[in-house]
Structure formats: C-alpha cells, structure tokens
Amino acid sequence: MGKYVYDWPRPMVTADAAVFAFLDGKPKLLLVQRKHEPYQGYWALPGGFVEIEEDLPEAAARELAEETGLKNVPLDQLHTFGKPGRDPRGRTITVVYFGIAGKDWQQVRAADDAAEVQWFDIQSLPQMAFDHNEIARCAIKRLKLSKTHENSPR
C-alpha cells in the first residue's frame, strides 16, 4: 500500500457492535464499561478503531471479541454515524453492526479496554458514552422490525 500525504485533515473510523440476546424471552443489549478516557466509567457499545488493513466487518467482530469474549456472532451493517463532535478525540465516523448472540451469550467477560461487560434490558439503558444512546435506539428499532417480520405470515 502506498503512502499518501494530504494537506487536509481526515476523519478516524471506528466499528461498533450492537449485539442483543434474549434472556428469559426479554431482549437485552450488550454494553461495556469504558476503562479509559474519554468517557471513562460510562457504558458504551463494544467497538473501536479500524486497523489500516482491516475490513469493517472484521473490525467490528474483532472489537466485540476483544472487549467481551463473544465470537462468531453474525453481524450485519446497521447504520453509519458521523455527526461532527460525536467523539472528543476528533472527527470520527463509526460504522455500526447489528447482531443477535446465540447460546454462548452467557460467556461474556470484560477484557482489553472494557472494565466491565453487562447485558442491559432495552427498556432501562444507562446514559452512554459518545452518541451510543442514539445508536442503541436505532438498533432497538431494527430489532423490533426484525421480530415483527419473523412473526408475520408468509
């Protein structure tokens, strides 16, 4: 890969994962508690910066596995969020992936830059880092649409 130098600033890119599981029939969203600034101690979706040679879905799966231990969760691209100011470290665009964990949802453990990991009821989510409350609302809407389509007659 060649090396390019530009005179104008470029945005950073992250990949986040909005992963759900059904515990006792109720949908829960997986969140990690941030170990470092910015937003140290706040809850957030698992995610992080995309490596220079990494494809976006691979980045989302890698970050999910590194921070929570969850692997092999089918992830579909949900939405891209890029409002200026969403990250205090600089201009950051995130590509968010949506997934539903299988039977290994119980095996989550905090690792890497996650202080804790927890499944939250979608009706009582905490105040989150960055714009992750907005992202969670988008993911919950998608979850409800997918459940509606699963239950509709064909």
N, C-alpha and C. Protein backbone atom coordinates (compact mmCIF):
# COMPACT_ATOMS: atom_id res chain seq x y z
N MET A 1 0.86 -1.18 0.00
CA MET A 1 0.00 0.00 0.00
C MET A 1 0.90 1.24 0.00
N GLY A 2 0.58 2.19 -0.84
CA GLY A 2 1.36 3.41 -0.96
C GLY A 2 1.16 4.33 0.22
N LYS A 3 2.05 5.29 0.35
CA LYS A 3 1.93 6.26 1.43
C LYS A 3 1.53 7.59 0.81
N TYR A 4 0.44 8.17 1.31
CA TYR A 4 -0.07 9.42 0.79
C TYR A 4 -0.08 10.47 1.89
N VAL A 5 0.19 11.67 1.51
CA VAL A 5 0.14 12.77 2.46
C VAL A 5 -0.80 13.83 1.87
N TYR A 6 -1.76 14.23 2.68
CA TYR A 6 -2.74 15.21 2.24
C TYR A 6 -2.64 16.47 3.08
N ASP A 7 -3.02 17.59 2.51
CA ASP A 7 -2.98 18.87 3.21
C ASP A 7 -4.21 19.11 4.08
N TRP A 8 -5.20 18.26 4.00
CA TRP A 8 -6.41 18.48 4.78
C TRP A 8 -6.60 17.34 5.78
N PRO A 9 -7.29 17.61 6.89
CA PRO A 9 -7.49 16.57 7.90
C PRO A 9 -8.41 15.47 7.40
N ARG A 10 -8.20 14.29 7.93
CA ARG A 10 -9.03 13.14 7.56
C ARG A 10 -9.71 12.59 8.82
N PRO A 11 -10.91 12.07 8.67
CA PRO A 11 -11.60 11.51 9.83
C PRO A 11 -11.03 10.15 10.23
N MET A 12 -11.24 9.81 11.50
CA MET A 12 -10.93 8.48 12.01
C MET A 12 -12.18 7.62 11.80
N VAL A 13 -11.98 6.31 11.72
CA VAL A 13 -13.10 5.40 11.52
C VAL A 13 -13.10 4.34 12.63
N THR A 14 -14.27 4.14 13.20
CA THR A 14 -14.45 3.09 14.20
C THR A 14 -15.53 2.13 13.72
N ALA A 15 -15.57 0.96 14.35
CA ALA A 15 -16.63 -0.02 14.11
C ALA A 15 -17.18 -0.43 15.46
N ASP A 16 -18.49 -0.37 15.61
CA ASP A 16 -19.16 -0.73 16.86
C ASP A 16 -20.13 -1.86 16.61
N ALA A 17 -20.45 -2.61 17.67
CA ALA A 17 -21.37 -3.74 17.56
C ALA A 17 -22.53 -3.58 18.54
N ALA A 18 -23.74 -3.55 18.01
CA ALA A 18 -24.96 -3.54 18.82
C ALA A 18 -25.46 -4.98 18.83
N VAL A 19 -25.17 -5.70 19.91
CA VAL A 19 -25.48 -7.12 20.00
C VAL A 19 -26.54 -7.35 21.06
N PHE A 20 -27.54 -8.13 20.67
CA PHE A 20 -28.66 -8.45 21.56
C PHE A 20 -28.65 -9.92 21.90
N ALA A 21 -29.31 -10.24 23.01
CA ALA A 21 -29.58 -11.63 23.39
C ALA A 21 -30.95 -11.63 24.04
N PHE A 22 -31.59 -12.79 24.02
CA PHE A 22 -32.90 -12.92 24.66
C PHE A 22 -32.73 -13.75 25.92
N LEU A 23 -32.90 -13.08 27.06
CA LEU A 23 -32.76 -13.71 28.36
C LEU A 23 -34.16 -13.80 28.96
N ASP A 24 -34.62 -15.02 29.19
CA ASP A 24 -35.98 -15.25 29.68
C ASP A 24 -37.00 -14.59 28.75
N GLY A 25 -36.72 -14.61 27.46
CA GLY A 25 -37.63 -14.06 26.47
C GLY A 25 -37.57 -12.55 26.31
N LYS A 26 -36.75 -11.88 27.10
CA LYS A 26 -36.67 -10.42 27.04
C LYS A 26 -35.37 -10.00 26.34
N PRO A 27 -35.47 -9.03 25.42
CA PRO A 27 -34.27 -8.59 24.71
C PRO A 27 -33.35 -7.76 25.60
N LYS A 28 -32.06 -8.08 25.54
CA LYS A 28 -31.04 -7.36 26.29
C LYS A 28 -29.97 -6.89 25.31
N LEU A 29 -29.35 -5.76 25.62
CA LEU A 29 -28.30 -5.18 24.80
C LEU A 29 -26.98 -5.30 25.55
N LEU A 30 -25.94 -5.73 24.85
CA LEU A 30 -24.63 -5.90 25.45
C LEU A 30 -23.87 -4.58 25.46
N LEU A 31 -23.41 -4.17 26.64
CA LEU A 31 -22.63 -2.95 26.79
C LEU A 31 -21.35 -3.23 27.57
N VAL A 32 -20.35 -2.40 27.31
CA VAL A 32 -19.10 -2.47 28.05
C VAL A 32 -18.92 -1.16 28.81
N GLN A 33 -18.30 -1.25 29.97
CA GLN A 33 -17.97 -0.04 30.71
C GLN A 33 -16.55 0.36 30.32
N ARG A 34 -16.40 1.61 29.89
CA ARG A 34 -15.11 2.08 29.39
C ARG A 34 -14.08 2.18 30.51
N LYS A 35 -12.90 1.62 30.25
CA LYS A 35 -11.81 1.62 31.21
C LYS A 35 -10.98 2.90 31.13
N HIS A 36 -11.02 3.57 29.95
CA HIS A 36 -10.16 4.73 29.72
C HIS A 36 -10.97 5.93 29.24
N GLU A 37 -10.37 7.09 29.34
CA GLU A 37 -10.95 8.31 28.76
C GLU A 37 -10.87 8.21 27.24
N PRO A 38 -11.73 8.90 26.52
CA PRO A 38 -12.82 9.72 27.04
C PRO A 38 -13.97 8.84 27.55
N TYR A 39 -14.76 9.42 28.40
CA TYR A 39 -15.94 8.76 28.98
C TYR A 39 -15.59 7.56 29.85
N GLN A 40 -14.47 7.62 30.54
CA GLN A 40 -14.09 6.55 31.46
C GLN A 40 -15.24 6.31 32.44
N GLY A 41 -15.59 5.03 32.63
CA GLY A 41 -16.65 4.67 33.56
C GLY A 41 -18.04 4.65 32.95
N TYR A 42 -18.21 5.23 31.78
CA TYR A 42 -19.51 5.21 31.09
C TYR A 42 -19.68 3.89 30.35
N TRP A 43 -20.93 3.53 30.14
CA TRP A 43 -21.26 2.35 29.35
C TRP A 43 -21.27 2.73 27.87
N ALA A 44 -20.92 1.77 27.04
CA ALA A 44 -20.86 2.00 25.58
C ALA A 44 -21.04 0.68 24.86
N LEU A 45 -21.31 0.78 23.58
CA LEU A 45 -21.33 -0.42 22.74
C LEU A 45 -19.89 -0.89 22.56
N PRO A 46 -19.68 -2.20 22.45
CA PRO A 46 -18.33 -2.67 22.16
C PRO A 46 -17.89 -2.13 20.79
N GLY A 47 -16.66 -1.69 20.71
CA GLY A 47 -16.17 -1.18 19.43
C GLY A 47 -14.85 -0.47 19.59
N GLY A 48 -14.33 -0.03 18.46
CA GLY A 48 -13.07 0.69 18.49
C GLY A 48 -12.57 1.02 17.11
N PHE A 49 -11.35 1.48 17.04
CA PHE A 49 -10.78 1.96 15.79
C PHE A 49 -10.48 0.82 14.82
N VAL A 50 -10.74 1.10 13.55
CA VAL A 50 -10.47 0.15 12.47
C VAL A 50 -8.98 0.21 12.15
N GLU A 51 -8.35 -0.95 12.08
CA GLU A 51 -6.94 -1.03 11.71
C GLU A 51 -6.79 -0.67 10.22
N ILE A 52 -5.65 -0.18 9.83
CA ILE A 52 -5.43 0.34 8.48
C ILE A 52 -5.65 -0.72 7.38
N GLU A 53 -5.36 -1.97 7.65
CA GLU A 53 -5.50 -3.03 6.65
C GLU A 53 -6.73 -3.92 6.92
N GLU A 54 -7.68 -3.45 7.74
CA GLU A 54 -8.78 -4.28 8.20
C GLU A 54 -10.09 -3.90 7.52
N ASP A 55 -10.86 -4.89 7.15
CA ASP A 55 -12.19 -4.66 6.60
C ASP A 55 -13.15 -4.31 7.75
N LEU A 56 -14.16 -3.53 7.47
CA LEU A 56 -15.07 -3.05 8.52
C LEU A 56 -15.75 -4.17 9.31
N PRO A 57 -16.34 -5.18 8.66
CA PRO A 57 -16.98 -6.24 9.46
C PRO A 57 -15.98 -6.98 10.34
N GLU A 58 -14.76 -7.15 9.84
CA GLU A 58 -13.73 -7.81 10.65
C GLU A 58 -13.38 -6.96 11.87
N ALA A 59 -13.34 -5.65 11.70
CA ALA A 59 -13.04 -4.76 12.82
C ALA A 59 -14.12 -4.85 13.90
N ALA A 60 -15.38 -4.86 13.49
CA ALA A 60 -16.48 -4.96 14.46
C ALA A 60 -16.41 -6.29 15.21
N ALA A 61 -16.17 -7.38 14.50
CA ALA A 61 -16.08 -8.71 15.13
C ALA A 61 -14.87 -8.79 16.05
N ARG A 62 -13.75 -8.22 15.63
CA ARG A 62 -12.54 -8.24 16.45
C ARG A 62 -12.75 -7.47 17.75
N GLU A 63 -13.30 -6.25 17.65
CA GLU A 63 -13.53 -5.44 18.84
C GLU A 63 -14.52 -6.12 19.79
N LEU A 64 -15.58 -6.72 19.24
CA LEU A 64 -16.56 -7.44 20.06
C LEU A 64 -15.86 -8.57 20.82
N ALA A 65 -15.04 -9.34 20.13
CA ALA A 65 -14.34 -10.46 20.77
C ALA A 65 -13.33 -9.96 21.80
N GLU A 66 -12.56 -8.92 21.46
CA GLU A 66 -11.54 -8.41 22.38
C GLU A 66 -12.15 -7.85 23.67
N GLU A 67 -13.26 -7.15 23.56
CA GLU A 67 -13.83 -6.47 24.73
C GLU A 67 -14.79 -7.33 25.53
N THR A 68 -15.43 -8.33 24.89
CA THR A 68 -16.47 -9.11 25.58
C THR A 68 -16.24 -10.61 25.57
N GLY A 69 -15.35 -11.09 24.73
CA GLY A 69 -15.15 -12.53 24.58
C GLY A 69 -16.13 -13.20 23.64
N LEU A 70 -17.13 -12.47 23.17
CA LEU A 70 -18.12 -13.06 22.25
C LEU A 70 -17.52 -13.20 20.86
N LYS A 71 -17.64 -14.40 20.29
CA LYS A 71 -17.13 -14.66 18.95
C LYS A 71 -18.23 -15.31 18.11
N ASN A 72 -18.06 -15.24 16.83
CA ASN A 72 -18.95 -15.92 15.87
C ASN A 72 -20.40 -15.43 15.94
N VAL A 73 -20.59 -14.16 16.30
CA VAL A 73 -21.93 -13.58 16.26
C VAL A 73 -22.13 -13.04 14.84
N PRO A 74 -23.16 -13.51 14.13
CA PRO A 74 -23.41 -12.95 12.80
C PRO A 74 -23.72 -11.45 12.91
N LEU A 75 -22.97 -10.63 12.19
CA LEU A 75 -23.13 -9.18 12.25
C LEU A 75 -23.51 -8.63 10.89
N ASP A 76 -24.55 -7.80 10.87
CA ASP A 76 -24.98 -7.11 9.65
C ASP A 76 -24.80 -5.61 9.87
N GLN A 77 -24.39 -4.93 8.82
CA GLN A 77 -24.22 -3.49 8.94
C GLN A 77 -25.57 -2.83 9.22
N LEU A 78 -25.60 -2.01 10.25
CA LEU A 78 -26.84 -1.35 10.68
C LEU A 78 -26.94 0.06 10.12
N HIS A 79 -25.92 0.89 10.41
CA HIS A 79 -26.00 2.31 10.06
C HIS A 79 -24.63 2.93 10.29
N THR A 80 -24.40 4.05 9.65
CA THR A 80 -23.18 4.81 9.85
C THR A 80 -23.53 6.11 10.56
N PHE A 81 -22.76 6.45 11.59
CA PHE A 81 -22.97 7.66 12.35
C PHE A 81 -21.72 8.53 12.23
N GLY A 82 -21.91 9.79 11.85
CA GLY A 82 -20.75 10.63 11.62
C GLY A 82 -20.94 12.09 11.95
N LYS A 83 -21.86 12.39 12.86
CA LYS A 83 -22.09 13.79 13.23
C LYS A 83 -20.80 14.40 13.80
N PRO A 84 -20.39 15.55 13.28
CA PRO A 84 -19.20 16.20 13.85
C PRO A 84 -19.38 16.43 15.35
N GLY A 85 -18.32 16.19 16.11
CA GLY A 85 -18.37 16.39 17.55
C GLY A 85 -18.81 15.18 18.34
N ARG A 86 -19.10 14.06 17.67
CA ARG A 86 -19.59 12.88 18.39
C ARG A 86 -18.50 12.23 19.25
N ASP A 87 -17.23 12.54 18.95
CA ASP A 87 -16.11 11.99 19.71
C ASP A 87 -15.15 13.12 20.05
N PRO A 88 -14.86 13.33 21.33
CA PRO A 88 -13.98 14.45 21.71
C PRO A 88 -12.53 14.29 21.23
N ARG A 89 -12.15 13.11 20.77
CA ARG A 89 -10.78 12.90 20.29
C ARG A 89 -10.56 13.43 18.88
N GLY A 90 -11.64 13.78 18.20
CA GLY A 90 -11.52 14.29 16.84
C GLY A 90 -12.62 13.75 15.96
N ARG A 91 -12.58 14.15 14.70
CA ARG A 91 -13.62 13.77 13.72
C ARG A 91 -13.61 12.26 13.53
N THR A 92 -14.68 11.62 14.00
CA THR A 92 -14.76 10.16 13.97
C THR A 92 -16.08 9.72 13.36
N ILE A 93 -15.98 8.81 12.43
CA ILE A 93 -17.15 8.20 11.80
C ILE A 93 -17.19 6.75 12.27
N THR A 94 -18.35 6.28 12.70
CA THR A 94 -18.46 4.89 13.11
C THR A 94 -19.46 4.15 12.23
N VAL A 95 -19.09 2.93 11.90
CA VAL A 95 -19.98 2.03 11.18
C VAL A 95 -20.45 1.01 12.21
N VAL A 96 -21.76 0.94 12.40
CA VAL A 96 -22.32 0.10 13.45
C VAL A 96 -22.88 -1.18 12.84
N TYR A 97 -22.61 -2.27 13.52
CA TYR A 97 -23.09 -3.59 13.12
C TYR A 97 -24.10 -4.10 14.14
N PHE A 98 -25.04 -4.89 13.66
CA PHE A 98 -26.16 -5.41 14.44
C PHE A 98 -26.04 -6.93 14.49
N GLY A 99 -26.25 -7.51 15.68
CA GLY A 99 -26.20 -8.96 15.78
C GLY A 99 -27.03 -9.46 16.94
N ILE A 100 -27.35 -10.75 16.87
CA ILE A 100 -28.06 -11.42 17.94
C ILE A 100 -27.20 -12.60 18.37
N ALA A 101 -26.80 -12.59 19.63
CA ALA A 101 -25.93 -13.65 20.15
C ALA A 101 -26.69 -14.95 20.27
N GLY A 102 -26.00 -16.03 20.06
CA GLY A 102 -26.58 -17.36 20.22
C GLY A 102 -26.50 -17.83 21.65
N LYS A 103 -26.42 -19.13 21.81
CA LYS A 103 -26.47 -19.71 23.15
C LYS A 103 -25.25 -19.39 24.02
N ASP A 104 -24.18 -18.88 23.42
CA ASP A 104 -22.98 -18.55 24.20
C ASP A 104 -23.02 -17.14 24.80
N TRP A 105 -24.20 -16.53 24.85
CA TRP A 105 -24.33 -15.17 25.38
C TRP A 105 -23.88 -15.08 26.83
N GLN A 106 -23.94 -16.18 27.56
CA GLN A 106 -23.57 -16.18 28.98
C GLN A 106 -22.06 -16.11 29.19
N GLN A 107 -21.29 -16.33 28.15
CA GLN A 107 -19.85 -16.45 28.29
C GLN A 107 -19.12 -15.11 28.18
N VAL A 108 -19.83 -14.00 28.28
CA VAL A 108 -19.17 -12.70 28.14
C VAL A 108 -18.28 -12.42 29.34
N ARG A 109 -17.18 -11.74 29.06
CA ARG A 109 -16.24 -11.34 30.10
C ARG A 109 -15.54 -10.06 29.62
N ALA A 110 -15.32 -9.16 30.53
CA ALA A 110 -14.66 -7.90 30.19
C ALA A 110 -13.18 -8.15 29.94
N ALA A 111 -12.65 -7.54 28.88
CA ALA A 111 -11.23 -7.66 28.56
C ALA A 111 -10.82 -6.43 27.75
N ASP A 112 -9.55 -6.35 27.43
CA ASP A 112 -8.98 -5.26 26.65
C ASP A 112 -9.26 -3.93 27.35
N ASP A 113 -9.94 -3.00 26.67
CA ASP A 113 -10.18 -1.70 27.30
C ASP A 113 -11.59 -1.59 27.89
N ALA A 114 -12.21 -2.73 28.18
CA ALA A 114 -13.52 -2.75 28.85
C ALA A 114 -13.31 -3.12 30.32
N ALA A 115 -13.78 -2.26 31.23
CA ALA A 115 -13.67 -2.53 32.67
C ALA A 115 -14.69 -3.57 33.10
N GLU A 116 -15.88 -3.51 32.51
CA GLU A 116 -16.96 -4.46 32.81
C GLU A 116 -17.75 -4.70 31.55
N VAL A 117 -18.52 -5.78 31.55
CA VAL A 117 -19.43 -6.09 30.45
C VAL A 117 -20.73 -6.56 31.08
N GLN A 118 -21.85 -6.14 30.49
CA GLN A 118 -23.15 -6.48 31.08
C GLN A 118 -24.24 -6.43 30.02
N TRP A 119 -25.23 -7.30 30.20
CA TRP A 119 -26.44 -7.27 29.37
C TRP A 119 -27.44 -6.36 30.05
N PHE A 120 -27.98 -5.39 29.31
CA PHE A 120 -28.95 -4.44 29.85
C PHE A 120 -30.31 -4.64 29.19
N ASP A 121 -31.36 -4.54 30.01
CA ASP A 121 -32.72 -4.54 29.49
C ASP A 121 -32.87 -3.33 28.57
N ILE A 122 -33.45 -3.53 27.40
CA ILE A 122 -33.54 -2.42 26.44
C ILE A 122 -34.49 -1.31 26.91
N GLN A 123 -35.30 -1.61 27.92
CA GLN A 123 -36.21 -0.61 28.47
C GLN A 123 -35.54 0.27 29.53
N SER A 124 -34.36 -0.11 29.99
CA SER A 124 -33.70 0.68 31.04
C SER A 124 -32.19 0.74 30.80
N LEU A 125 -31.83 1.38 29.71
CA LEU A 125 -30.41 1.54 29.37
C LEU A 125 -29.82 2.72 30.14
N PRO A 126 -28.54 2.62 30.49
CA PRO A 126 -27.89 3.73 31.20
C PRO A 126 -27.54 4.86 30.23
N GLN A 127 -27.15 6.00 30.78
CA GLN A 127 -26.60 7.06 29.94
C GLN A 127 -25.27 6.55 29.39
N MET A 128 -25.08 6.66 28.09
CA MET A 128 -23.91 6.07 27.46
C MET A 128 -22.93 7.11 26.93
N ALA A 129 -21.73 6.63 26.65
CA ALA A 129 -20.66 7.44 26.08
C ALA A 129 -21.00 7.83 24.64
N PHE A 130 -20.33 8.89 24.17
CA PHE A 130 -20.46 9.33 22.79
C PHE A 130 -21.94 9.53 22.44
N ASP A 131 -22.35 9.04 21.27
CA ASP A 131 -23.75 9.10 20.84
C ASP A 131 -24.38 7.71 20.89
N HIS A 132 -23.89 6.87 21.80
CA HIS A 132 -24.33 5.48 21.82
C HIS A 132 -25.77 5.30 22.26
N ASN A 133 -26.37 6.26 22.97
CA ASN A 133 -27.81 6.15 23.25
C ASN A 133 -28.60 6.26 21.95
N GLU A 134 -28.19 7.16 21.08
CA GLU A 134 -28.84 7.30 19.77
C GLU A 134 -28.64 6.03 18.93
N ILE A 135 -27.45 5.51 18.95
CA ILE A 135 -27.16 4.28 18.20
C ILE A 135 -27.99 3.13 18.74
N ALA A 136 -28.10 3.02 20.07
CA ALA A 136 -28.91 1.96 20.68
C ALA A 136 -30.37 2.07 20.25
N ARG A 137 -30.91 3.28 20.20
CA ARG A 137 -32.30 3.46 19.75
C ARG A 137 -32.47 2.94 18.33
N CYS A 138 -31.51 3.24 17.47
CA CYS A 138 -31.55 2.77 16.08
C CYS A 138 -31.51 1.24 16.03
N ALA A 139 -30.64 0.63 16.84
CA ALA A 139 -30.51 -0.83 16.87
C ALA A 139 -31.76 -1.49 17.43
N ILE A 140 -32.35 -0.90 18.45
CA ILE A 140 -33.58 -1.45 19.04
C ILE A 140 -34.71 -1.39 18.02
N LYS A 141 -34.78 -0.30 17.28
CA LYS A 141 -35.79 -0.19 16.22
C LYS A 141 -35.61 -1.32 15.20
N ARG A 142 -34.37 -1.58 14.82
CA ARG A 142 -34.07 -2.67 13.88
C ARG A 142 -34.46 -4.02 14.47
N LEU A 143 -34.17 -4.21 15.76
CA LEU A 143 -34.52 -5.46 16.43
C LEU A 143 -36.03 -5.68 16.40
N LYS A 144 -36.78 -4.63 16.72
CA LYS A 144 -38.24 -4.74 16.72
C LYS A 144 -38.78 -5.01 15.33
N LEU A 145 -38.20 -4.38 14.31
CA LEU A 145 -38.61 -4.63 12.93
C LEU A 145 -38.31 -6.07 12.53
N SER A 146 -37.16 -6.58 12.93
CA SER A 146 -36.81 -7.95 12.55
C SER A 146 -37.73 -8.94 13.26
N LYS A 147 -38.09 -8.68 14.52
CA LYS A 147 -39.01 -9.57 15.24
C LYS A 147 -40.40 -9.51 14.63
N THR A 148 -40.82 -8.32 14.17
CA THR A 148 -42.13 -8.18 13.52
C THR A 148 -42.16 -9.01 12.24
N HIS A 149 -41.08 -8.94 11.46
CA HIS A 149 -41.03 -9.69 10.22
C HIS A 149 -40.95 -11.20 10.45
N GLU A 150 -40.29 -11.62 11.53
CA GLU A 150 -40.23 -13.05 11.85
C GLU A 150 -41.61 -13.58 12.20
N ASN A 151 -42.44 -12.75 12.85
CA ASN A 151 -43.75 -13.20 13.31
C ASN A 151 -44.86 -12.97 12.30
N SER A 152 -44.56 -12.31 11.18
CA SER A 152 -45.62 -12.04 10.21
C SER A 152 -45.85 -13.25 9.31
N PRO A 153 -47.10 -13.44 8.86
CA PRO A 153 -47.41 -14.59 7.97
C PRO A 153 -46.71 -14.41 6.63
N ARG A 154 -46.33 -15.55 6.04
CA ARG A 154 -45.62 -15.50 4.75
C ARG A 154 -46.46 -16.09 3.67
